[in-house]
Amino acid sequence: MIPGPVFASLNACSQILTHWLCYITDQQRPWQDVWIRGGPIFAEVVQQYKNITTVEGVLDLLKAFTTSHRPGSVDTLRSKHQTSQGQMITYTPRYGSHLLSIARTLNTLIDFDRNIACYLSSSASFIFESSSSEDDSPALRVVFLLYVLSHDNIHTGMTSFHSQRGDIC
């Protein structure tokens, strides 16, 4: 579903991470924007992410893929190497909090070899813990872990990596 040679060159775990980054921004957006425009850019981010080891590295990586237009507007992501119909691919998430969720996700996954599957498997005992509740299941626990990975305690207000100061992850 994500076009382009960069996505096709990624291993399966990196493709899953690319899909997750798209999903983070898939809030009240046409799917074509998220997956066809955002997906190739996120694939490039994930491709370059493999060598990042610090929160500063994550922020520098995301700054390199974004441009800030005017104060208060959400940063636009832009491809470095891919085009669509002869034009540079760009994608602007609906909310700045999506950018913060992406930064948090990438920063957290550094401790799990930059691999979302390793992050989830590290909590296998939690995921598969038995429960007598009808409202509990392994699938719901995975959803909870993904929520914690990317969305828990993310506040609105940040719109740009270029004007942000301090530790945002």
C-alpha atoms as a PDB file:
ATOM      1  CA  MET A   1       0.000   0.000   0.000  1.00  0.00           C
ATOM      2  CA  ILE A   2       2.974   2.329   0.447  1.00  0.00           C
ATOM      3  CA  PRO A   3       4.523   3.080  -2.927  1.00  0.00           C
ATOM      4  CA  GLY A   4       8.158   3.626  -3.722  1.00  0.00           C
ATOM      5  CA  PRO A   5      11.488   1.886  -3.798  1.00  0.00           C
ATOM      6  CA  VAL A   6      12.514   2.904  -0.274  1.00  0.00           C
ATOM      7  CA  PHE A   7       9.586   1.106   1.369  1.00  0.00           C
ATOM      8  CA  ALA A   8      10.189  -1.954  -0.812  1.00  0.00           C
ATOM      9  CA  SER A   9      13.850  -2.016   0.301  1.00  0.00           C
ATOM     10  CA  LEU A  10      13.011  -2.101   4.033  1.00  0.00           C
ATOM     11  CA  ASN A  11      12.983  -5.321   6.019  1.00  0.00           C
ATOM     12  CA  ALA A  12       9.661  -6.526   7.436  1.00  0.00           C
ATOM     13  CA  CYS A  13      10.165  -4.934  10.879  1.00  0.00           C
ATOM     14  CA  SER A  14      11.011  -1.567   9.323  1.00  0.00           C
ATOM     15  CA  GLN A  15       7.955  -1.837   7.069  1.00  0.00           C
ATOM     16  CA  ILE A  16       5.788  -2.443  10.144  1.00  0.00           C
ATOM     17  CA  LEU A  17       7.299   0.633  11.822  1.00  0.00           C
ATOM     18  CA  THR A  18       6.634   2.671   8.667  1.00  0.00           C
ATOM     19  CA  HIS A  19       2.996   1.568   8.766  1.00  0.00           C
ATOM     20  CA  TRP A  20       2.761   2.524  12.440  1.00  0.00           C
ATOM     21  CA  LEU A  21       4.131   6.025  11.765  1.00  0.00           C
ATOM     22  CA  CYS A  22       1.506   6.444   9.039  1.00  0.00           C
ATOM     23  CA  TYR A  23      -1.180   5.225  11.403  1.00  0.00           C
ATOM     24  CA  ILE A  24      -0.156   7.812  14.012  1.00  0.00           C
ATOM     25  CA  THR A  25      -1.057  10.571  11.540  1.00  0.00           C
ATOM     26  CA  ASP A  26      -4.151   8.842  10.137  1.00  0.00           C
ATOM     27  CA  GLN A  27      -6.656  10.988  12.012  1.00  0.00           C
ATOM     28  CA  GLN A  28      -9.416  12.519   9.929  1.00  0.00           C
ATOM     29  CA  ARG A  29      -7.255  12.386   6.810  1.00  0.00           C
ATOM     30  CA  PRO A  30      -7.962  10.894   3.400  1.00  0.00           C
ATOM     31  CA  TRP A  31      -6.178   7.546   3.253  1.00  0.00           C
ATOM     32  CA  GLN A  32      -4.458   8.555   0.005  1.00  0.00           C
ATOM     33  CA  ASP A  33      -2.686  11.433   1.759  1.00  0.00           C
ATOM     34  CA  VAL A  34      -1.545   9.290   4.665  1.00  0.00           C
ATOM     35  CA  TRP A  35      -0.416   6.168   2.857  1.00  0.00           C
ATOM     36  CA  ILE A  36       0.554   7.383  -0.629  1.00  0.00           C
ATOM     37  CA  ARG A  37       2.090  10.732   0.334  1.00  0.00           C
ATOM     38  CA  GLY A  38       3.122  10.199   3.962  1.00  0.00           C
ATOM     39  CA  GLY A  39       4.143   6.556   3.616  1.00  0.00           C
ATOM     40  CA  PRO A  40       7.117   7.062   1.292  1.00  0.00           C
ATOM     41  CA  ILE A  41       8.427   9.857   3.522  1.00  0.00           C
ATOM     42  CA  PHE A  42       8.061   7.748   6.670  1.00  0.00           C
ATOM     43  CA  ALA A  43       9.875   4.929   4.854  1.00  0.00           C
ATOM     44  CA  GLU A  44      12.815   7.280   4.305  1.00  0.00           C
ATOM     45  CA  VAL A  45      12.734   8.337   7.957  1.00  0.00           C
ATOM     46  CA  VAL A  46      12.758   4.689   9.072  1.00  0.00           C
ATOM     47  CA  GLN A  47      15.561   3.865   6.619  1.00  0.00           C
ATOM     48  CA  GLN A  48      17.770   6.588   8.129  1.00  0.00           C
ATOM     49  CA  TYR A  49      16.635   5.852  11.692  1.00  0.00           C
ATOM     50  CA  LYS A  50      18.672   2.624  11.857  1.00  0.00           C
ATOM     51  CA  ASN A  51      21.788   4.501  13.025  1.00  0.00           C
ATOM     52  CA  ILE A  52      20.147   6.793  15.606  1.00  0.00           C
ATOM     53  CA  THR A  53      21.102   6.213  19.251  1.00  0.00           C
ATOM     54  CA  THR A  54      19.969   9.319  21.158  1.00  0.00           C
ATOM     55  CA  VAL A  55      16.944  11.568  21.579  1.00  0.00           C
ATOM     56  CA  GLU A  56      18.971  14.370  19.989  1.00  0.00           C
ATOM     57  CA  GLY A  57      19.565  12.107  17.009  1.00  0.00           C
ATOM     58  CA  VAL A  58      15.819  11.462  16.702  1.00  0.00           C
ATOM     59  CA  LEU A  59      15.086  15.182  16.799  1.00  0.00           C
ATOM     60  CA  ASP A  60      17.820  15.950  14.270  1.00  0.00           C
ATOM     61  CA  LEU A  61      16.468  13.227  11.984  1.00  0.00           C
ATOM     62  CA  LEU A  62      12.936  14.600  12.160  1.00  0.00           C
ATOM     63  CA  LYS A  63      14.157  18.172  11.656  1.00  0.00           C
ATOM     64  CA  ALA A  64      15.961  17.023   8.505  1.00  0.00           C
ATOM     65  CA  PHE A  65      12.682  15.685   7.093  1.00  0.00           C
ATOM     66  CA  THR A  66      10.492  18.656   8.042  1.00  0.00           C
ATOM     67  CA  THR A  67      10.124  22.281   7.115  1.00  0.00           C
ATOM     68  CA  SER A  68       8.464  24.976   9.152  1.00  0.00           C
ATOM     69  CA  HIS A  69       6.307  27.452   7.257  1.00  0.00           C
ATOM     70  CA  ARG A  70       5.074  29.994   9.756  1.00  0.00           C
ATOM     71  CA  PRO A  71       4.736  30.149  13.540  1.00  0.00           C
ATOM     72  CA  GLY A  72       1.849  28.034  14.766  1.00  0.00           C
ATOM     73  CA  SER A  73       1.574  25.886  11.640  1.00  0.00           C
ATOM     74  CA  VAL A  74       2.332  22.164  11.698  1.00  0.00           C
ATOM     75  CA  ASP A  75       5.665  21.172  10.150  1.00  0.00           C
ATOM     76  CA  THR A  76       5.482  19.641   6.687  1.00  0.00           C
ATOM     77  CA  LEU A  77       7.368  16.417   6.097  1.00  0.00           C
ATOM     78  CA  ARG A  78       9.212  16.174   2.801  1.00  0.00           C
ATOM     79  CA  SER A  79      10.890  13.377   0.952  1.00  0.00           C
ATOM     80  CA  LYS A  80      14.587  13.661   0.323  1.00  0.00           C
ATOM     81  CA  HIS A  81      14.865  11.173  -2.553  1.00  0.00           C
ATOM     82  CA  GLN A  82      11.442  10.307  -3.920  1.00  0.00           C
ATOM     83  CA  THR A  83       9.054  12.117  -6.191  1.00  0.00           C
ATOM     84  CA  SER A  84       5.487  11.593  -7.325  1.00  0.00           C
ATOM     85  CA  GLN A  85       4.481  12.768 -10.777  1.00  0.00           C
ATOM     86  CA  GLY A  86       7.738  14.722 -10.998  1.00  0.00           C
ATOM     87  CA  GLN A  87       7.106  16.619  -7.756  1.00  0.00           C
ATOM     88  CA  MET A  88       8.839  16.296  -4.388  1.00  0.00           C
ATOM     89  CA  ILE A  89       6.554  14.361  -2.022  1.00  0.00           C
ATOM     90  CA  THR A  90       5.321  16.398   0.943  1.00  0.00           C
ATOM     91  CA  TYR A  91       2.914  15.566   3.729  1.00  0.00           C
ATOM     92  CA  THR A  92       1.572  17.660   6.589  1.00  0.00           C
ATOM     93  CA  PRO A  93       0.049  15.825   9.563  1.00  0.00           C
ATOM     94  CA  ARG A  94      -3.264  17.194  10.752  1.00  0.00           C
ATOM     95  CA  TYR A  95      -1.991  17.979  14.265  1.00  0.00           C
ATOM     96  CA  GLY A  96       1.394  18.893  15.718  1.00  0.00           C
ATOM     97  CA  SER A  97       0.835  16.287  18.421  1.00  0.00           C
ATOM     98  CA  HIS A  98       1.289  13.664  15.704  1.00  0.00           C
ATOM     99  CA  LEU A  99       4.857  14.893  15.242  1.00  0.00           C
ATOM    100  CA  LEU A 100       5.435  14.583  18.965  1.00  0.00           C
ATOM    101  CA  SER A 101       3.988  11.060  18.943  1.00  0.00           C
ATOM    102  CA  ILE A 102       6.367  10.107  16.131  1.00  0.00           C
ATOM    103  CA  ALA A 103       9.332  11.552  18.063  1.00  0.00           C
ATOM    104  CA  ARG A 104       8.280   9.691  21.224  1.00  0.00           C
ATOM    105  CA  THR A 105       7.869   6.436  19.281  1.00  0.00           C
ATOM    106  CA  LEU A 106      11.267   6.625  17.618  1.00  0.00           C
ATOM    107  CA  ASN A 107      12.986   7.651  20.847  1.00  0.00           C
ATOM    108  CA  THR A 108      11.424   4.795  22.840  1.00  0.00           C
ATOM    109  CA  LEU A 109      12.214   2.199  20.191  1.00  0.00           C
ATOM    110  CA  ILE A 110      15.939   2.987  20.385  1.00  0.00           C
ATOM    111  CA  ASP A 111      15.960   0.795  23.513  1.00  0.00           C
ATOM    112  CA  PHE A 112      14.328  -2.034  21.534  1.00  0.00           C
ATOM    113  CA  ASP A 113      16.789  -2.140  18.618  1.00  0.00           C
ATOM    114  CA  ARG A 114      14.535   0.328  16.740  1.00  0.00           C
ATOM    115  CA  ASN A 115      12.046  -2.490  16.291  1.00  0.00           C
ATOM    116  CA  ILE A 116       8.350  -2.281  17.162  1.00  0.00           C
ATOM    117  CA  ALA A 117       8.075  -6.091  17.242  1.00  0.00           C
ATOM    118  CA  CYS A 118      10.864  -6.260  19.862  1.00  0.00           C
ATOM    119  CA  TYR A 119       9.048  -3.585  21.874  1.00  0.00           C
ATOM    120  CA  LEU A 120       5.867  -5.661  21.890  1.00  0.00           C
ATOM    121  CA  SER A 121       7.601  -8.997  22.470  1.00  0.00           C
ATOM    122  CA  SER A 122       9.407  -7.555  25.499  1.00  0.00           C
ATOM    123  CA  SER A 123       5.968  -7.400  27.112  1.00  0.00           C
ATOM    124  CA  ALA A 124       4.854 -10.885  26.103  1.00  0.00           C
ATOM    125  CA  SER A 125       4.184 -11.891  29.704  1.00  0.00           C
ATOM    126  CA  PHE A 126       1.867  -8.885  30.090  1.00  0.00           C
ATOM    127  CA  ILE A 127       0.164  -9.489  26.753  1.00  0.00           C
ATOM    128  CA  PHE A 128      -0.571 -13.141  27.411  1.00  0.00           C
ATOM    129  CA  GLU A 129      -1.243 -12.934  31.159  1.00  0.00           C
ATOM    130  CA  SER A 130      -4.455 -14.762  31.962  1.00  0.00           C
ATOM    131  CA  SER A 131      -7.467 -12.738  32.939  1.00  0.00           C
ATOM    132  CA  SER A 132     -10.969 -13.616  34.025  1.00  0.00           C
ATOM    133  CA  SER A 133     -12.398 -10.346  32.703  1.00  0.00           C
ATOM    134  CA  GLU A 134     -14.528 -10.397  29.577  1.00  0.00           C
ATOM    135  CA  ASP A 135     -13.246  -6.907  28.799  1.00  0.00           C
ATOM    136  CA  ASP A 136      -9.620  -8.018  28.653  1.00  0.00           C
ATOM    137  CA  SER A 137      -7.722  -9.813  25.885  1.00  0.00           C
ATOM    138  CA  PRO A 138      -4.218 -10.063  24.407  1.00  0.00           C
ATOM    139  CA  ALA A 139      -5.329  -7.834  21.511  1.00  0.00           C
ATOM    140  CA  LEU A 140      -6.476  -5.104  23.897  1.00  0.00           C
ATOM    141  CA  ARG A 141      -3.189  -5.313  25.750  1.00  0.00           C
ATOM    142  CA  VAL A 142      -1.263  -4.870  22.498  1.00  0.00           C
ATOM    143  CA  VAL A 143      -3.394  -1.817  21.726  1.00  0.00           C
ATOM    144  CA  PHE A 144      -2.608  -0.477  25.196  1.00  0.00           C
ATOM    145  CA  LEU A 145       1.138  -0.962  24.650  1.00  0.00           C
ATOM    146  CA  LEU A 146       0.953   0.845  21.303  1.00  0.00           C
ATOM    147  CA  TYR A 147      -0.972   3.657  22.966  1.00  0.00           C
ATOM    148  CA  VAL A 148       1.750   3.953  25.622  1.00  0.00           C
ATOM    149  CA  LEU A 149       4.448   3.839  22.920  1.00  0.00           C
ATOM    150  CA  SER A 150       3.056   6.726  20.908  1.00  0.00           C
ATOM    151  CA  HIS A 151       0.167   8.588  22.499  1.00  0.00           C
ATOM    152  CA  ASP A 152       0.168   8.460  26.313  1.00  0.00           C
ATOM    153  CA  ASN A 153       0.530  11.879  27.916  1.00  0.00           C
ATOM    154  CA  ILE A 154       1.091  13.679  24.599  1.00  0.00           C
ATOM    155  CA  HIS A 155      -0.111  17.243  24.879  1.00  0.00           C
ATOM    156  CA  THR A 156      -1.325  19.470  22.106  1.00  0.00           C
ATOM    157  CA  GLY A 157       0.374  22.710  21.277  1.00  0.00           C
ATOM    158  CA  MET A 158       3.662  21.723  19.665  1.00  0.00           C
ATOM    159  CA  THR A 159       3.570  22.263  15.921  1.00  0.00           C
ATOM    160  CA  SER A 160       7.199  22.426  14.843  1.00  0.00           C
ATOM    161  CA  PHE A 161      10.476  20.667  15.559  1.00  0.00           C
ATOM    162  CA  HIS A 162      12.205  23.798  14.311  1.00  0.00           C
ATOM    163  CA  SER A 163      10.897  26.087  17.037  1.00  0.00           C
ATOM    164  CA  GLN A 164      10.774  23.540  19.887  1.00  0.00           C
ATOM    165  CA  ARG A 165      13.362  23.712  22.648  1.00  0.00           C
ATOM    166  CA  GLY A 166      14.160  21.174  25.337  1.00  0.00           C
ATOM    167  CA  ASP A 167      13.464  17.479  25.644  1.00  0.00           C
ATOM    168  CA  ILE A 168      10.196  16.738  23.833  1.00  0.00           C
ATOM    169  CA  CYS A 169      10.437  12.982  23.859  1.00  0.00           C
END
